[in-house]
Amino acid sequence: MEKEKIYAEVNSREKAESIRAWLEEHRARDAAFFDLQGTNPLAEIMAVVSATSVRHARSLADGLLELCRERNFEFLRMEGYQTGLWILVDLNDVIVHIMQEAERDIYHLESLWRDAERLPDVPSAS
């Protein structure tokens, strides 16, 4: 069952692919995207990426908001922007966790979704 969308009628995987491509273009590290459709009431796709600094994390979060405006993706809320250590960006059906490497190592969110399908990486354009 897909979450009801208010804005763009793009499916969650396509939205996640757009987000992943944008994040990788802006040097987010170690992107991991998990398909939780039918197993999680909060989101259909969970993503975790690493940022190299607080400034980088905030820049990625700001850029995601701009991407949402450009593509008419739904944006519900953001948490953690002030500290920049772990920023959660809730895009309704896709939730993106932008984390500093130390926080990512401590919390290891990927282990929460170890049984979920991990979406394949986008090949790099060389």
N, C-alpha and C. Protein backbone atom coordinates (compact mmCIF):
# COMPACT_ATOMS: atom_id res chain seq x y z
N MET A 1 0.84 -1.17 0.00
CA MET A 1 0.00 0.00 0.00
C MET A 1 0.89 1.25 0.00
N GLU A 2 0.74 2.07 -1.01
CA GLU A 2 1.54 3.29 -1.09
C GLU A 2 0.93 4.38 -0.22
N LYS A 3 1.81 5.21 0.35
CA LYS A 3 1.32 6.36 1.12
C LYS A 3 0.65 7.35 0.17
N GLU A 4 -0.43 7.96 0.63
CA GLU A 4 -1.13 8.95 -0.18
C GLU A 4 -0.23 10.15 -0.42
N LYS A 5 -0.16 10.56 -1.68
CA LYS A 5 0.68 11.69 -2.05
C LYS A 5 -0.19 12.90 -2.32
N ILE A 6 0.24 14.04 -1.82
CA ILE A 6 -0.52 15.26 -2.02
C ILE A 6 -0.03 16.00 -3.26
N TYR A 7 1.25 15.89 -3.56
CA TYR A 7 1.84 16.65 -4.65
C TYR A 7 2.12 15.76 -5.86
N ALA A 8 3.37 15.61 -6.20
CA ALA A 8 3.76 14.87 -7.40
C ALA A 8 3.31 13.41 -7.31
N GLU A 9 2.82 12.91 -8.40
CA GLU A 9 2.39 11.51 -8.46
C GLU A 9 3.50 10.64 -9.02
N VAL A 10 4.69 10.78 -8.50
CA VAL A 10 5.81 9.95 -8.91
C VAL A 10 5.93 8.82 -7.88
N ASN A 11 6.23 7.60 -8.36
CA ASN A 11 6.31 6.51 -7.39
C ASN A 11 7.55 6.65 -6.52
N SER A 12 7.53 5.98 -5.41
CA SER A 12 8.57 6.14 -4.39
C SER A 12 9.96 5.79 -4.90
N ARG A 13 10.06 4.74 -5.70
CA ARG A 13 11.38 4.33 -6.21
C ARG A 13 11.95 5.39 -7.15
N GLU A 14 11.12 5.92 -8.03
CA GLU A 14 11.60 6.97 -8.94
C GLU A 14 12.05 8.20 -8.14
N LYS A 15 11.27 8.55 -7.15
CA LYS A 15 11.62 9.68 -6.29
C LYS A 15 12.94 9.41 -5.59
N ALA A 16 13.11 8.20 -5.05
CA ALA A 16 14.35 7.83 -4.37
C ALA A 16 15.54 7.88 -5.33
N GLU A 17 15.34 7.44 -6.56
CA GLU A 17 16.42 7.49 -7.56
C GLU A 17 16.83 8.93 -7.84
N SER A 18 15.86 9.82 -7.96
CA SER A 18 16.17 11.24 -8.17
C SER A 18 16.94 11.81 -6.99
N ILE A 19 16.49 11.47 -5.79
CA ILE A 19 17.14 11.96 -4.58
C ILE A 19 18.56 11.42 -4.48
N ARG A 20 18.73 10.12 -4.73
CA ARG A 20 20.06 9.51 -4.66
C ARG A 20 21.01 10.17 -5.66
N ALA A 21 20.55 10.34 -6.89
CA ALA A 21 21.40 10.96 -7.91
C ALA A 21 21.82 12.37 -7.47
N TRP A 22 20.87 13.13 -6.94
CA TRP A 22 21.19 14.49 -6.49
C TRP A 22 22.18 14.45 -5.35
N LEU A 23 21.95 13.58 -4.36
CA LEU A 23 22.86 13.49 -3.21
C LEU A 23 24.27 13.09 -3.64
N GLU A 24 24.37 12.13 -4.54
CA GLU A 24 25.69 11.70 -4.99
C GLU A 24 26.39 12.80 -5.77
N GLU A 25 25.63 13.54 -6.56
CA GLU A 25 26.19 14.67 -7.31
C GLU A 25 26.75 15.73 -6.36
N HIS A 26 26.16 15.82 -5.17
CA HIS A 26 26.58 16.81 -4.18
C HIS A 26 27.45 16.21 -3.08
N ARG A 27 28.08 15.11 -3.42
CA ARG A 27 29.13 14.48 -2.61
C ARG A 27 28.69 13.90 -1.26
N ALA A 28 27.42 13.49 -1.17
CA ALA A 28 27.02 12.71 0.00
C ALA A 28 27.75 11.37 -0.10
N ARG A 29 28.13 10.82 1.02
CA ARG A 29 28.92 9.59 1.01
C ARG A 29 28.10 8.38 1.47
N ASP A 30 28.49 7.22 0.94
CA ASP A 30 27.95 5.93 1.40
C ASP A 30 26.43 5.90 1.47
N ALA A 31 25.79 6.27 0.38
CA ALA A 31 24.32 6.28 0.34
C ALA A 31 23.78 4.86 0.41
N ALA A 32 22.80 4.65 1.27
CA ALA A 32 22.11 3.37 1.39
C ALA A 32 20.61 3.65 1.38
N PHE A 33 19.90 3.05 0.44
CA PHE A 33 18.46 3.23 0.29
C PHE A 33 17.78 1.88 0.47
N PHE A 34 16.72 1.85 1.29
CA PHE A 34 16.03 0.61 1.62
C PHE A 34 14.55 0.72 1.27
N ASP A 35 14.03 -0.30 0.59
CA ASP A 35 12.62 -0.36 0.23
C ASP A 35 11.85 -1.00 1.38
N LEU A 36 11.00 -0.22 2.02
CA LEU A 36 10.21 -0.69 3.16
C LEU A 36 8.72 -0.78 2.83
N GLN A 37 8.38 -0.75 1.55
CA GLN A 37 6.97 -0.75 1.16
C GLN A 37 6.25 -1.95 1.75
N GLY A 38 5.14 -1.68 2.40
CA GLY A 38 4.33 -2.73 2.98
C GLY A 38 4.80 -3.21 4.35
N THR A 39 5.94 -2.71 4.83
CA THR A 39 6.47 -3.17 6.12
C THR A 39 6.61 -2.06 7.15
N ASN A 40 6.50 -0.82 6.72
CA ASN A 40 6.75 0.30 7.62
C ASN A 40 5.70 1.38 7.38
N PRO A 41 4.97 1.79 8.41
CA PRO A 41 3.93 2.80 8.21
C PRO A 41 4.48 4.22 8.05
N LEU A 42 5.75 4.44 8.38
CA LEU A 42 6.31 5.79 8.32
C LEU A 42 6.73 6.21 6.93
N ALA A 43 7.28 5.28 6.17
CA ALA A 43 7.80 5.63 4.84
C ALA A 43 7.92 4.38 3.99
N GLU A 44 8.01 4.58 2.69
CA GLU A 44 8.21 3.46 1.78
C GLU A 44 9.69 3.24 1.50
N ILE A 45 10.46 4.32 1.54
CA ILE A 45 11.91 4.24 1.32
C ILE A 45 12.61 4.98 2.45
N MET A 46 13.61 4.34 3.04
CA MET A 46 14.49 4.99 4.02
C MET A 46 15.86 5.10 3.40
N ALA A 47 16.48 6.26 3.58
CA ALA A 47 17.81 6.49 3.04
C ALA A 47 18.72 6.99 4.14
N VAL A 48 19.97 6.56 4.09
CA VAL A 48 20.99 7.03 5.03
C VAL A 48 22.20 7.43 4.21
N VAL A 49 22.69 8.66 4.44
CA VAL A 49 23.91 9.12 3.77
C VAL A 49 24.80 9.79 4.80
N SER A 50 26.09 9.84 4.49
CA SER A 50 27.05 10.52 5.37
C SER A 50 27.43 11.86 4.77
N ALA A 51 27.64 12.82 5.65
CA ALA A 51 28.14 14.14 5.27
C ALA A 51 29.54 14.30 5.87
N THR A 52 30.33 15.15 5.25
CA THR A 52 31.72 15.32 5.69
C THR A 52 31.88 16.36 6.79
N SER A 53 30.85 17.18 7.02
CA SER A 53 30.92 18.22 8.04
C SER A 53 29.50 18.70 8.33
N VAL A 54 29.35 19.50 9.37
CA VAL A 54 28.05 20.08 9.68
C VAL A 54 27.59 20.96 8.53
N ARG A 55 28.48 21.76 8.00
CA ARG A 55 28.12 22.63 6.87
C ARG A 55 27.66 21.81 5.67
N HIS A 56 28.36 20.71 5.39
CA HIS A 56 27.99 19.83 4.28
C HIS A 56 26.60 19.23 4.52
N ALA A 57 26.34 18.77 5.74
CA ALA A 57 25.04 18.18 6.07
C ALA A 57 23.91 19.19 5.86
N ARG A 58 24.12 20.40 6.34
CA ARG A 58 23.10 21.44 6.17
C ARG A 58 22.91 21.79 4.70
N SER A 59 23.99 21.83 3.96
CA SER A 59 23.92 22.11 2.53
C SER A 59 23.13 21.02 1.81
N LEU A 60 23.36 19.76 2.17
CA LEU A 60 22.60 18.67 1.57
C LEU A 60 21.12 18.80 1.90
N ALA A 61 20.80 19.11 3.15
CA ALA A 61 19.40 19.26 3.56
C ALA A 61 18.74 20.43 2.82
N ASP A 62 19.43 21.56 2.74
CA ASP A 62 18.90 22.71 2.00
C ASP A 62 18.68 22.37 0.54
N GLY A 63 19.63 21.66 -0.04
CA GLY A 63 19.52 21.27 -1.44
C GLY A 63 18.36 20.32 -1.69
N LEU A 64 18.12 19.41 -0.74
CA LEU A 64 16.97 18.52 -0.89
C LEU A 64 15.66 19.29 -0.90
N LEU A 65 15.58 20.32 -0.07
CA LEU A 65 14.36 21.15 -0.07
C LEU A 65 14.18 21.84 -1.41
N GLU A 66 15.27 22.33 -1.97
CA GLU A 66 15.20 22.97 -3.29
C GLU A 66 14.79 21.95 -4.36
N LEU A 67 15.34 20.73 -4.29
CA LEU A 67 14.96 19.67 -5.22
C LEU A 67 13.46 19.38 -5.10
N CYS A 68 12.95 19.37 -3.89
CA CYS A 68 11.51 19.16 -3.68
C CYS A 68 10.68 20.25 -4.36
N ARG A 69 11.12 21.48 -4.23
CA ARG A 69 10.40 22.59 -4.89
C ARG A 69 10.44 22.43 -6.41
N GLU A 70 11.62 22.11 -6.93
CA GLU A 70 11.77 21.97 -8.38
C GLU A 70 10.93 20.83 -8.95
N ARG A 71 10.89 19.71 -8.24
CA ARG A 71 10.22 18.51 -8.76
C ARG A 71 8.82 18.31 -8.19
N ASN A 72 8.38 19.25 -7.37
CA ASN A 72 7.06 19.17 -6.75
C ASN A 72 6.92 17.93 -5.86
N PHE A 73 8.01 17.56 -5.16
CA PHE A 73 7.98 16.48 -4.19
C PHE A 73 7.45 17.03 -2.87
N GLU A 74 6.76 16.19 -2.17
CA GLU A 74 6.21 16.56 -0.87
C GLU A 74 7.33 16.67 0.18
N PHE A 75 7.27 17.73 0.97
CA PHE A 75 8.18 17.90 2.11
C PHE A 75 7.33 18.09 3.35
N LEU A 76 7.52 17.23 4.35
CA LEU A 76 6.72 17.34 5.57
C LEU A 76 7.44 18.08 6.68
N ARG A 77 8.70 17.70 6.95
CA ARG A 77 9.42 18.36 8.04
C ARG A 77 10.90 17.97 8.01
N MET A 78 11.66 18.70 8.82
CA MET A 78 13.08 18.43 8.97
C MET A 78 13.41 18.52 10.46
N GLU A 79 14.27 17.63 10.92
CA GLU A 79 14.72 17.62 12.32
C GLU A 79 16.24 17.59 12.34
N GLY A 80 16.85 18.22 13.33
CA GLY A 80 18.28 18.13 13.53
C GLY A 80 19.13 19.13 12.78
N TYR A 81 18.50 20.07 12.10
CA TYR A 81 19.25 21.03 11.28
C TYR A 81 20.18 21.89 12.14
N GLN A 82 19.72 22.27 13.33
CA GLN A 82 20.51 23.15 14.19
C GLN A 82 21.89 22.58 14.50
N THR A 83 21.93 21.31 14.89
CA THR A 83 23.23 20.71 15.24
C THR A 83 23.97 20.21 14.01
N GLY A 84 23.23 19.74 13.01
CA GLY A 84 23.85 19.25 11.79
C GLY A 84 24.54 17.91 11.93
N LEU A 85 24.38 17.26 13.08
CA LEU A 85 25.02 15.96 13.29
C LEU A 85 24.20 14.83 12.67
N TRP A 86 22.88 14.96 12.76
CA TRP A 86 21.96 13.97 12.19
C TRP A 86 20.73 14.76 11.77
N ILE A 87 20.56 14.94 10.49
CA ILE A 87 19.42 15.69 9.97
C ILE A 87 18.47 14.69 9.31
N LEU A 88 17.23 14.71 9.75
CA LEU A 88 16.20 13.87 9.17
C LEU A 88 15.34 14.75 8.27
N VAL A 89 15.20 14.35 7.01
CA VAL A 89 14.37 15.08 6.06
C VAL A 89 13.22 14.15 5.67
N ASP A 90 12.00 14.52 6.05
CA ASP A 90 10.82 13.70 5.81
C ASP A 90 10.11 14.20 4.56
N LEU A 91 10.15 13.37 3.53
CA LEU A 91 9.53 13.71 2.25
C LEU A 91 8.30 12.83 2.01
N ASN A 92 7.60 12.51 3.08
CA ASN A 92 6.40 11.70 3.12
C ASN A 92 6.70 10.23 2.86
N ASP A 93 6.86 9.83 1.62
CA ASP A 93 7.10 8.42 1.32
C ASP A 93 8.59 8.05 1.33
N VAL A 94 9.45 9.04 1.33
CA VAL A 94 10.90 8.83 1.42
C VAL A 94 11.43 9.66 2.59
N ILE A 95 12.16 9.00 3.48
CA ILE A 95 12.80 9.69 4.60
C ILE A 95 14.31 9.58 4.41
N VAL A 96 14.99 10.72 4.49
CA VAL A 96 16.44 10.76 4.29
C VAL A 96 17.10 11.15 5.61
N HIS A 97 18.05 10.33 6.04
CA HIS A 97 18.86 10.60 7.23
C HIS A 97 20.23 11.06 6.74
N ILE A 98 20.60 12.30 7.02
CA ILE A 98 21.91 12.84 6.66
C ILE A 98 22.71 12.88 7.96
N MET A 99 23.76 12.09 8.03
CA MET A 99 24.47 11.91 9.30
C MET A 99 25.96 12.17 9.16
N GLN A 100 26.55 12.68 10.23
CA GLN A 100 28.00 12.72 10.31
C GLN A 100 28.46 11.27 10.49
N GLU A 101 29.67 10.96 10.01
CA GLU A 101 30.15 9.57 10.07
C GLU A 101 30.16 9.03 11.50
N ALA A 102 30.55 9.84 12.47
CA ALA A 102 30.61 9.36 13.87
C ALA A 102 29.22 8.95 14.35
N GLU A 103 28.20 9.76 14.05
CA GLU A 103 26.83 9.43 14.44
C GLU A 103 26.35 8.19 13.71
N ARG A 104 26.70 8.08 12.46
CA ARG A 104 26.29 6.91 11.69
C ARG A 104 26.91 5.64 12.27
N ASP A 105 28.16 5.73 12.69
CA ASP A 105 28.82 4.57 13.31
C ASP A 105 28.19 4.21 14.64
N ILE A 106 27.77 5.21 15.40
CA ILE A 106 27.16 4.96 16.71
C ILE A 106 25.79 4.30 16.57
N TYR A 107 24.93 4.87 15.71
CA TYR A 107 23.54 4.43 15.63
C TYR A 107 23.31 3.30 14.64
N HIS A 108 24.13 3.17 13.65
CA HIS A 108 24.06 2.11 12.63
C HIS A 108 22.61 1.80 12.22
N LEU A 109 21.95 2.81 11.68
CA LEU A 109 20.54 2.68 11.29
C LEU A 109 20.30 1.56 10.30
N GLU A 110 21.28 1.29 9.46
CA GLU A 110 21.11 0.25 8.45
C GLU A 110 20.71 -1.09 9.07
N SER A 111 21.14 -1.35 10.29
CA SER A 111 20.81 -2.62 10.93
C SER A 111 19.31 -2.74 11.22
N LEU A 112 18.62 -1.61 11.33
CA LEU A 112 17.17 -1.65 11.54
C LEU A 112 16.44 -2.23 10.34
N TRP A 113 17.03 -2.07 9.18
CA TRP A 113 16.36 -2.48 7.94
C TRP A 113 17.12 -3.60 7.23
N ARG A 114 17.84 -4.43 7.98
CA ARG A 114 18.68 -5.47 7.36
C ARG A 114 17.86 -6.48 6.57
N ASP A 115 16.57 -6.65 6.90
CA ASP A 115 15.73 -7.59 6.16
C ASP A 115 15.04 -6.94 4.96
N ALA A 116 15.16 -5.64 4.84
CA ALA A 116 14.52 -4.93 3.72
C ALA A 116 15.39 -5.04 2.47
N GLU A 117 14.75 -4.86 1.33
CA GLU A 117 15.49 -4.84 0.07
C GLU A 117 16.30 -3.55 -0.01
N ARG A 118 17.58 -3.70 -0.26
CA ARG A 118 18.43 -2.52 -0.45
C ARG A 118 18.40 -2.17 -1.93
N LEU A 119 18.06 -0.92 -2.22
CA LEU A 119 18.00 -0.49 -3.61
C LEU A 119 19.41 -0.44 -4.18
N PRO A 120 19.55 -0.84 -5.44
CA PRO A 120 20.89 -0.86 -6.04
C PRO A 120 21.47 0.54 -6.19
N ASP A 121 22.79 0.60 -6.12
CA ASP A 121 23.49 1.87 -6.31
C ASP A 121 23.32 2.35 -7.73
N VAL A 122 23.34 3.66 -7.90
CA VAL A 122 23.29 4.26 -9.22
C VAL A 122 24.70 4.25 -9.78
N PRO A 123 24.89 3.72 -11.01
CA PRO A 123 26.25 3.73 -11.57
C PRO A 123 26.77 5.16 -11.71
N SER A 124 28.02 5.35 -11.39
CA SER A 124 28.65 6.68 -11.52
C SER A 124 28.85 7.02 -12.97
N ALA A 125 28.61 8.28 -13.30
CA ALA A 125 28.90 8.77 -14.65
C ALA A 125 30.37 9.12 -14.71
N SER A 126 31.11 8.45 -15.57
CA SER A 126 32.56 8.71 -15.65
C SER A 126 32.90 9.48 -16.88
